[in-house]
N, C-alpha and C. Protein backbone atom coordinates (compact mmCIF):
# COMPACT_ATOMS: atom_id res chain seq x y z
N UNK A 1 15.76 -2.80 -1.83
CA UNK A 1 16.78 -3.11 -2.80
C UNK A 1 17.04 -1.86 -3.63
N UNK A 2 18.28 -1.42 -3.64
CA UNK A 2 18.65 -0.23 -4.41
C UNK A 2 19.14 -0.64 -5.78
N UNK A 3 18.82 0.17 -6.80
CA UNK A 3 19.35 -0.15 -8.14
C UNK A 3 20.84 0.11 -8.19
N UNK A 4 21.52 -0.64 -9.04
CA UNK A 4 22.96 -0.49 -9.16
C UNK A 4 23.33 0.79 -9.89
N UNK A 5 24.61 1.08 -9.87
CA UNK A 5 25.09 2.31 -10.52
C UNK A 5 24.88 2.26 -12.03
N UNK A 6 25.02 1.08 -12.62
CA UNK A 6 24.85 0.99 -14.08
C UNK A 6 23.40 1.28 -14.46
N UNK A 7 22.46 0.81 -13.66
CA UNK A 7 21.05 1.08 -13.95
C UNK A 7 20.77 2.57 -13.83
N UNK A 8 21.29 3.20 -12.77
CA UNK A 8 21.09 4.64 -12.61
C UNK A 8 21.73 5.42 -13.74
N UNK A 9 22.92 5.00 -14.17
CA UNK A 9 23.59 5.67 -15.27
C UNK A 9 22.80 5.51 -16.57
N UNK A 10 22.28 4.30 -16.81
CA UNK A 10 21.49 4.06 -18.00
C UNK A 10 20.23 4.92 -18.01
N UNK A 11 19.54 4.98 -16.87
CA UNK A 11 18.33 5.81 -16.80
C UNK A 11 18.67 7.28 -16.99
N UNK A 12 19.79 7.72 -16.44
CA UNK A 12 20.19 9.12 -16.62
C UNK A 12 20.45 9.42 -18.09
N UNK A 13 21.10 8.51 -18.79
CA UNK A 13 21.36 8.70 -20.22
C UNK A 13 20.06 8.76 -21.00
N UNK A 14 19.11 7.88 -20.67
CA UNK A 14 17.82 7.88 -21.36
C UNK A 14 17.08 9.19 -21.11
N UNK A 15 17.05 9.66 -19.87
CA UNK A 15 16.35 10.91 -19.56
C UNK A 15 17.01 12.09 -20.26
N UNK A 16 18.34 12.13 -20.26
CA UNK A 16 19.05 13.23 -20.94
C UNK A 16 18.77 13.20 -22.45
N UNK A 17 18.76 12.01 -23.04
CA UNK A 17 18.45 11.89 -24.47
C UNK A 17 17.03 12.38 -24.77
N UNK A 18 16.08 12.04 -23.90
CA UNK A 18 14.70 12.50 -24.11
C UNK A 18 14.58 14.01 -23.96
N UNK A 19 15.31 14.58 -23.03
CA UNK A 19 15.27 16.04 -22.86
C UNK A 19 15.87 16.73 -24.08
N UNK A 20 16.97 16.19 -24.60
CA UNK A 20 17.58 16.76 -25.81
C UNK A 20 16.62 16.64 -26.99
N UNK A 21 15.96 15.51 -27.12
CA UNK A 21 14.98 15.31 -28.19
C UNK A 21 13.83 16.31 -28.07
N UNK A 22 13.35 16.51 -26.86
CA UNK A 22 12.24 17.46 -26.66
C UNK A 22 12.69 18.89 -26.97
N UNK A 23 13.88 19.27 -26.54
CA UNK A 23 14.38 20.61 -26.86
C UNK A 23 14.54 20.80 -28.37
N UNK A 24 14.99 19.76 -29.07
CA UNK A 24 15.12 19.85 -30.52
C UNK A 24 13.75 20.02 -31.19
N UNK A 25 12.74 19.35 -30.65
CA UNK A 25 11.38 19.51 -31.19
C UNK A 25 10.84 20.91 -30.93
N UNK A 26 11.05 21.42 -29.72
CA UNK A 26 10.52 22.73 -29.35
C UNK A 26 11.20 23.84 -30.15
N UNK A 27 12.49 23.71 -30.36
CA UNK A 27 13.23 24.76 -31.09
C UNK A 27 13.15 24.57 -32.60
N UNK A 28 12.40 23.60 -33.06
CA UNK A 28 12.20 23.31 -34.48
C UNK A 28 13.52 22.97 -35.18
N UNK A 29 14.42 22.37 -34.43
CA UNK A 29 15.65 21.89 -35.03
C UNK A 29 15.33 20.82 -36.06
N UNK A 30 14.39 19.95 -35.70
CA UNK A 30 13.83 19.02 -36.67
C UNK A 30 12.39 18.76 -36.26
N UNK A 31 11.52 18.65 -37.22
CA UNK A 31 10.11 18.35 -36.98
C UNK A 31 9.61 17.45 -38.09
N UNK A 32 8.58 16.72 -37.79
CA UNK A 32 7.93 15.91 -38.81
C UNK A 32 6.73 16.68 -39.33
N UNK A 33 6.65 16.89 -40.61
CA UNK A 33 5.50 17.61 -41.16
C UNK A 33 4.22 16.79 -41.01
N UNK A 34 3.14 17.48 -40.78
CA UNK A 34 1.85 16.81 -40.58
C UNK A 34 1.40 16.08 -41.84
N UNK A 35 1.88 16.51 -42.99
CA UNK A 35 1.47 15.86 -44.24
C UNK A 35 1.95 14.41 -44.31
N UNK A 36 3.06 14.11 -43.65
CA UNK A 36 3.56 12.73 -43.64
C UNK A 36 2.57 11.83 -42.91
N UNK A 37 2.02 12.31 -41.80
CA UNK A 37 1.08 11.51 -41.03
C UNK A 37 -0.25 11.37 -41.76
N UNK A 38 -0.71 12.45 -42.38
CA UNK A 38 -1.98 12.41 -43.09
C UNK A 38 -1.87 11.55 -44.34
N UNK A 39 -0.72 11.60 -44.99
CA UNK A 39 -0.54 10.84 -46.23
C UNK A 39 -0.47 9.34 -45.97
N UNK A 40 0.00 8.95 -44.80
CA UNK A 40 0.15 7.52 -44.52
C UNK A 40 -0.56 7.18 -43.21
N UNK A 41 -1.86 6.94 -43.27
CA UNK A 41 -2.61 6.66 -42.04
C UNK A 41 -2.19 5.35 -41.35
N UNK A 42 -1.61 4.43 -42.10
CA UNK A 42 -1.17 3.17 -41.49
C UNK A 42 -0.05 3.45 -40.49
N UNK A 43 0.87 4.36 -40.82
CA UNK A 43 1.94 4.69 -39.88
C UNK A 43 1.38 5.36 -38.63
N UNK A 44 0.31 6.15 -38.79
CA UNK A 44 -0.34 6.76 -37.63
C UNK A 44 -0.92 5.70 -36.71
N UNK A 45 -1.63 4.74 -37.29
CA UNK A 45 -2.24 3.68 -36.50
C UNK A 45 -1.17 2.83 -35.83
N UNK A 46 -0.11 2.50 -36.56
CA UNK A 46 0.96 1.68 -35.99
C UNK A 46 1.63 2.42 -34.84
N UNK A 47 1.89 3.71 -35.01
CA UNK A 47 2.54 4.47 -33.94
C UNK A 47 1.64 4.60 -32.72
N UNK A 48 0.32 4.79 -32.93
CA UNK A 48 -0.60 4.87 -31.80
C UNK A 48 -0.69 3.54 -31.06
N UNK A 49 -0.75 2.44 -31.80
CA UNK A 49 -0.81 1.11 -31.17
C UNK A 49 0.48 0.85 -30.40
N UNK A 50 1.63 1.16 -30.99
CA UNK A 50 2.91 0.96 -30.32
C UNK A 50 2.99 1.78 -29.03
N UNK A 51 2.58 3.03 -29.11
CA UNK A 51 2.61 3.90 -27.93
C UNK A 51 1.68 3.36 -26.84
N UNK A 52 0.52 2.89 -27.22
CA UNK A 52 -0.43 2.33 -26.26
C UNK A 52 0.14 1.09 -25.59
N UNK A 53 0.75 0.21 -26.37
CA UNK A 53 1.32 -1.01 -25.80
C UNK A 53 2.44 -0.69 -24.83
N UNK A 54 3.32 0.23 -25.21
CA UNK A 54 4.43 0.60 -24.33
C UNK A 54 3.90 1.25 -23.04
N UNK A 55 2.87 2.09 -23.15
CA UNK A 55 2.29 2.73 -21.98
C UNK A 55 1.66 1.69 -21.05
N UNK A 56 0.97 0.71 -21.62
CA UNK A 56 0.36 -0.34 -20.79
C UNK A 56 1.43 -1.18 -20.09
N UNK A 57 2.48 -1.53 -20.80
CA UNK A 57 3.55 -2.31 -20.17
C UNK A 57 4.18 -1.52 -19.04
N UNK A 58 4.43 -0.23 -19.27
CA UNK A 58 4.99 0.61 -18.21
C UNK A 58 4.07 0.71 -17.01
N UNK A 59 2.76 0.86 -17.27
CA UNK A 59 1.79 0.95 -16.17
C UNK A 59 1.74 -0.36 -15.39
N UNK A 60 1.84 -1.48 -16.08
CA UNK A 60 1.84 -2.78 -15.40
C UNK A 60 3.06 -2.91 -14.50
N UNK A 61 4.24 -2.54 -15.01
CA UNK A 61 5.45 -2.63 -14.20
C UNK A 61 5.39 -1.70 -13.00
N UNK A 62 4.89 -0.50 -13.19
CA UNK A 62 4.76 0.43 -12.06
C UNK A 62 3.77 -0.13 -11.04
N UNK A 63 2.68 -0.71 -11.50
CA UNK A 63 1.70 -1.31 -10.60
C UNK A 63 2.27 -2.48 -9.83
N UNK A 64 3.05 -3.31 -10.51
CA UNK A 64 3.68 -4.45 -9.83
C UNK A 64 4.65 -3.96 -8.77
N UNK A 65 5.45 -2.96 -9.11
CA UNK A 65 6.42 -2.43 -8.16
C UNK A 65 5.72 -1.84 -6.94
N UNK A 66 4.69 -1.03 -7.17
CA UNK A 66 3.98 -0.40 -6.05
C UNK A 66 3.28 -1.44 -5.19
N UNK A 67 2.67 -2.44 -5.79
CA UNK A 67 1.95 -3.43 -4.99
C UNK A 67 2.91 -4.28 -4.15
N UNK A 68 4.09 -4.61 -4.70
CA UNK A 68 5.03 -5.38 -3.89
C UNK A 68 5.58 -4.54 -2.75
N UNK A 69 5.77 -3.23 -2.97
CA UNK A 69 6.25 -2.37 -1.89
C UNK A 69 5.18 -2.17 -0.82
N UNK A 70 3.93 -2.04 -1.23
CA UNK A 70 2.86 -1.79 -0.26
C UNK A 70 2.42 -3.05 0.46
N UNK A 71 2.37 -4.17 -0.24
CA UNK A 71 1.85 -5.40 0.35
C UNK A 71 2.95 -6.33 0.85
N UNK A 72 4.20 -5.95 0.68
CA UNK A 72 5.31 -6.79 1.12
C UNK A 72 5.37 -6.87 2.63
N UNK A 73 6.16 -7.81 3.14
CA UNK A 73 6.27 -7.95 4.60
C UNK A 73 6.86 -6.70 5.23
N UNK A 74 6.30 -6.32 6.32
CA UNK A 74 6.76 -5.13 7.03
C UNK A 74 7.69 -5.55 8.16
N UNK A 75 8.89 -5.90 7.81
CA UNK A 75 9.86 -6.31 8.82
C UNK A 75 10.86 -5.18 9.03
N UNK A 76 11.58 -5.29 10.13
CA UNK A 76 12.61 -4.31 10.42
C UNK A 76 13.85 -4.61 9.60
N UNK A 77 14.58 -3.58 9.27
CA UNK A 77 15.86 -3.77 8.60
C UNK A 77 16.87 -4.27 9.63
N UNK A 78 17.98 -4.86 9.18
CA UNK A 78 18.99 -5.32 10.15
C UNK A 78 19.49 -4.20 11.06
N UNK A 79 19.62 -3.00 10.55
CA UNK A 79 20.04 -1.88 11.38
C UNK A 79 19.01 -1.60 12.47
N UNK A 80 17.73 -1.59 12.11
CA UNK A 80 16.68 -1.33 13.10
C UNK A 80 16.62 -2.44 14.15
N UNK A 81 16.82 -3.71 13.71
CA UNK A 81 16.84 -4.81 14.67
C UNK A 81 17.98 -4.65 15.67
N UNK A 82 19.15 -4.24 15.17
CA UNK A 82 20.29 -4.03 16.06
C UNK A 82 20.02 -2.90 17.04
N UNK A 83 19.39 -1.83 16.58
CA UNK A 83 19.06 -0.71 17.47
C UNK A 83 18.06 -1.14 18.54
N UNK A 84 17.11 -1.99 18.19
CA UNK A 84 16.15 -2.48 19.18
C UNK A 84 16.83 -3.38 20.21
N UNK A 85 17.78 -4.22 19.75
CA UNK A 85 18.53 -5.05 20.70
C UNK A 85 19.36 -4.18 21.64
N UNK A 86 19.99 -3.14 21.07
CA UNK A 86 20.79 -2.25 21.91
C UNK A 86 19.90 -1.52 22.91
N UNK A 87 18.71 -1.15 22.51
CA UNK A 87 17.78 -0.49 23.42
C UNK A 87 17.41 -1.42 24.57
N UNK A 88 17.17 -2.70 24.26
CA UNK A 88 16.88 -3.68 25.30
C UNK A 88 18.06 -3.88 26.24
N UNK A 89 19.25 -3.95 25.66
CA UNK A 89 20.45 -4.09 26.50
C UNK A 89 20.63 -2.88 27.41
N UNK A 90 20.40 -1.70 26.88
CA UNK A 90 20.52 -0.48 27.68
C UNK A 90 19.51 -0.48 28.82
N UNK A 91 18.30 -0.93 28.54
CA UNK A 91 17.27 -1.00 29.58
C UNK A 91 17.69 -1.98 30.68
N UNK A 92 18.25 -3.14 30.28
CA UNK A 92 18.72 -4.11 31.27
C UNK A 92 19.87 -3.55 32.10
N UNK A 93 20.81 -2.86 31.45
CA UNK A 93 21.93 -2.26 32.19
C UNK A 93 21.44 -1.19 33.15
N UNK A 94 20.50 -0.38 32.73
CA UNK A 94 19.97 0.67 33.60
C UNK A 94 19.27 0.04 34.81
N UNK A 95 18.56 -1.05 34.58
CA UNK A 95 17.88 -1.74 35.68
C UNK A 95 18.91 -2.32 36.65
N UNK A 96 20.00 -2.89 36.09
CA UNK A 96 21.04 -3.47 36.96
C UNK A 96 21.74 -2.38 37.77
N UNK A 97 22.00 -1.23 37.17
CA UNK A 97 22.62 -0.12 37.89
C UNK A 97 21.69 0.39 38.99
N UNK A 98 20.41 0.49 38.69
CA UNK A 98 19.45 0.93 39.71
C UNK A 98 19.40 -0.06 40.87
N UNK A 99 19.46 -1.35 40.56
CA UNK A 99 19.47 -2.37 41.63
C UNK A 99 20.73 -2.25 42.48
N UNK A 100 21.89 -2.07 41.85
CA UNK A 100 23.13 -1.91 42.60
C UNK A 100 23.10 -0.64 43.45
N UNK A 101 22.58 0.43 42.89
CA UNK A 101 22.50 1.68 43.63
C UNK A 101 21.57 1.53 44.84
N UNK A 102 20.47 0.81 44.67
CA UNK A 102 19.53 0.62 45.77
C UNK A 102 20.16 -0.21 46.89
N UNK A 103 21.03 -1.18 46.52
CA UNK A 103 21.68 -2.00 47.54
C UNK A 103 22.77 -1.25 48.27
N UNK A 104 23.47 -0.38 47.58
CA UNK A 104 24.61 0.30 48.21
C UNK A 104 24.23 1.63 48.84
N UNK A 105 23.42 2.43 48.18
CA UNK A 105 23.09 3.76 48.67
C UNK A 105 21.73 3.79 49.34
N UNK A 106 20.85 3.00 48.93
CA UNK A 106 19.49 3.03 49.43
C UNK A 106 18.56 3.41 48.29
N UNK A 107 17.29 3.66 48.61
CA UNK A 107 16.35 4.01 47.54
C UNK A 107 16.74 5.32 46.88
N UNK A 108 16.24 5.51 45.66
CA UNK A 108 16.55 6.74 44.92
C UNK A 108 16.10 7.96 45.70
N UNK A 109 16.92 8.99 45.67
CA UNK A 109 16.60 10.25 46.32
C UNK A 109 15.93 11.17 45.31
N UNK A 110 15.00 11.96 45.80
CA UNK A 110 14.36 12.93 44.93
C UNK A 110 15.35 14.03 44.62
N UNK A 111 15.27 14.62 43.43
CA UNK A 111 16.19 15.72 43.10
C UNK A 111 16.00 16.86 44.07
N UNK A 112 17.11 17.45 44.53
CA UNK A 112 17.05 18.58 45.44
C UNK A 112 17.17 18.16 46.90
N UNK A 113 16.99 16.89 47.20
CA UNK A 113 17.11 16.41 48.59
C UNK A 113 18.44 15.69 48.73
N UNK A 114 19.09 15.95 49.77
CA UNK A 114 20.37 15.30 50.00
C UNK A 114 20.15 13.97 50.71
N UNK A 115 21.04 13.05 50.44
CA UNK A 115 20.96 11.75 51.09
C UNK A 115 21.39 11.91 52.55
N UNK A 116 20.83 11.10 53.46
CA UNK A 116 21.25 11.19 54.85
C UNK A 116 22.72 10.77 54.96
N UNK A 117 23.42 11.36 55.93
CA UNK A 117 24.85 11.02 56.07
C UNK A 117 25.03 9.54 56.40
N UNK A 118 26.08 8.97 55.84
CA UNK A 118 26.37 7.54 56.10
C UNK A 118 27.23 7.41 57.35
N UNK A 119 27.05 6.40 58.11
CA UNK A 119 27.83 6.17 59.33
C UNK A 119 28.79 5.05 59.16
């Protein structure tokens, strides 16, 4: 199952926003002073707990996705099933042509040897 275009667009926007945020942090366009975190330890604890919860939820979703992909049924796609049917049909046609050739011309000739003249 492929994600839709809106989902891909949304993820692209999120990734671009995070990259812009990281570049702003690295270039010191805006930064949070360490004194704010030291002065209010409750905000530090709340932010650490929030980050931990979000990380666990993300890890659970990634684990669920990977386990369903790995343990899901291993069936052929409709395209692969059609290719296998066509392969079987081709094998049957080749067998039928070989049978017709054997009835009309005789057994298969080895490459390089000419067939005996017909009378």
